[in-house]
């Protein structure tokens, strides 16, 4: 018998973090965290590009704001 541990990163509330940085709104944190996020990377990329181009956060990214992903 043999076992292996597989570790991966995850935000404190287990959500992705996708948001503009408060100290520089022209910079974005896009952390889709590990292999799980890789599956969503194409859609996340499209939504972030739309945000950068329009200056407005797409509704689909609202759940991933820093305020929703980090502990109070």
Protein backbone atom coordinates (compact mmCIF):
# COMPACT_ATOMS: atom_id res chain seq x y z
CA UNK A 1 0.00 0.00 0.00
CA UNK A 2 1.04 3.54 -0.66
CA UNK A 3 -0.46 7.00 -0.22
CA UNK A 4 0.35 10.51 -1.38
CA UNK A 5 -0.72 13.94 -0.26
CA UNK A 6 -1.85 16.46 -2.83
CA UNK A 7 -1.78 20.03 -1.55
CA UNK A 8 -3.21 23.05 -3.31
CA UNK A 9 -3.85 26.70 -2.51
CA UNK A 10 -7.26 28.01 -1.58
CA UNK A 11 -8.53 31.37 -0.32
CA UNK A 12 -9.85 31.47 3.27
CA UNK A 13 -13.49 31.14 2.15
CA UNK A 14 -12.54 28.76 -0.68
CA UNK A 15 -13.61 31.28 -3.36
CA UNK A 16 -11.51 32.63 -6.19
CA UNK A 17 -10.30 36.20 -5.69
CA UNK A 18 -10.86 38.40 -8.73
CA UNK A 19 -10.85 42.12 -8.00
CA UNK A 20 -9.18 45.45 -8.66
CA UNK A 21 -6.56 46.34 -6.08
CA UNK A 22 -7.71 49.10 -3.71
CA UNK A 23 -4.36 50.91 -3.81
CA UNK A 24 -4.24 50.82 -7.63
CA UNK A 25 -7.59 50.30 -9.41
CA UNK A 26 -5.73 49.78 -12.70
CA UNK A 27 -4.15 46.60 -11.30
CA UNK A 28 -6.15 43.42 -10.80
CA UNK A 29 -5.72 40.37 -8.58
CA UNK A 30 -6.92 37.31 -10.47
CA UNK A 31 -6.39 34.23 -8.35
CA UNK A 32 -8.26 31.23 -9.60
CA UNK A 33 -6.28 28.96 -7.26
CA UNK A 34 -4.90 25.63 -8.40
CA UNK A 35 -6.24 23.10 -10.89
CA UNK A 36 -9.85 23.82 -10.03
CA UNK A 37 -9.42 27.38 -11.28
CA UNK A 38 -7.65 26.20 -14.40
CA UNK A 39 -10.91 24.65 -15.58
CA UNK A 40 -12.52 28.09 -15.41
CA UNK A 41 -9.57 30.11 -16.73
CA UNK A 42 -10.98 30.80 -20.20
CA UNK A 43 -14.26 32.21 -18.87
CA UNK A 44 -12.49 34.15 -16.12
CA UNK A 45 -10.10 35.60 -18.69
CA UNK A 46 -12.95 36.76 -20.91
CA UNK A 47 -14.78 38.39 -18.01
CA UNK A 48 -11.64 40.16 -16.73
CA UNK A 49 -10.87 41.46 -20.23
CA UNK A 50 -14.43 42.84 -20.46
CA UNK A 51 -13.91 44.56 -17.08
CA UNK A 52 -10.62 46.11 -18.19
CA UNK A 53 -12.10 47.29 -21.49
CA UNK A 54 -15.33 48.75 -20.09
CA UNK A 55 -14.23 49.80 -16.61
CA UNK A 56 -17.27 48.01 -15.13
CA UNK A 57 -17.13 44.71 -13.24
CA UNK A 58 -19.22 42.06 -15.00
CA UNK A 59 -21.96 40.72 -12.72
CA UNK A 60 -20.53 37.22 -13.12
CA UNK A 61 -17.39 38.32 -11.23
CA UNK A 62 -19.20 39.97 -8.29
CA UNK A 63 -19.06 36.83 -6.07
CA UNK A 64 -15.27 36.83 -6.36
CA UNK A 65 -14.67 40.33 -4.96
CA UNK A 66 -12.07 40.50 -2.18
CA UNK A 67 -14.80 41.36 0.31
CA UNK A 68 -16.55 38.06 -0.44
CA UNK A 69 -13.42 35.91 -0.48
CA UNK A 70 -11.52 37.12 2.58
CA UNK A 71 -12.58 36.74 6.21
CA UNK A 72 -14.15 39.72 7.97
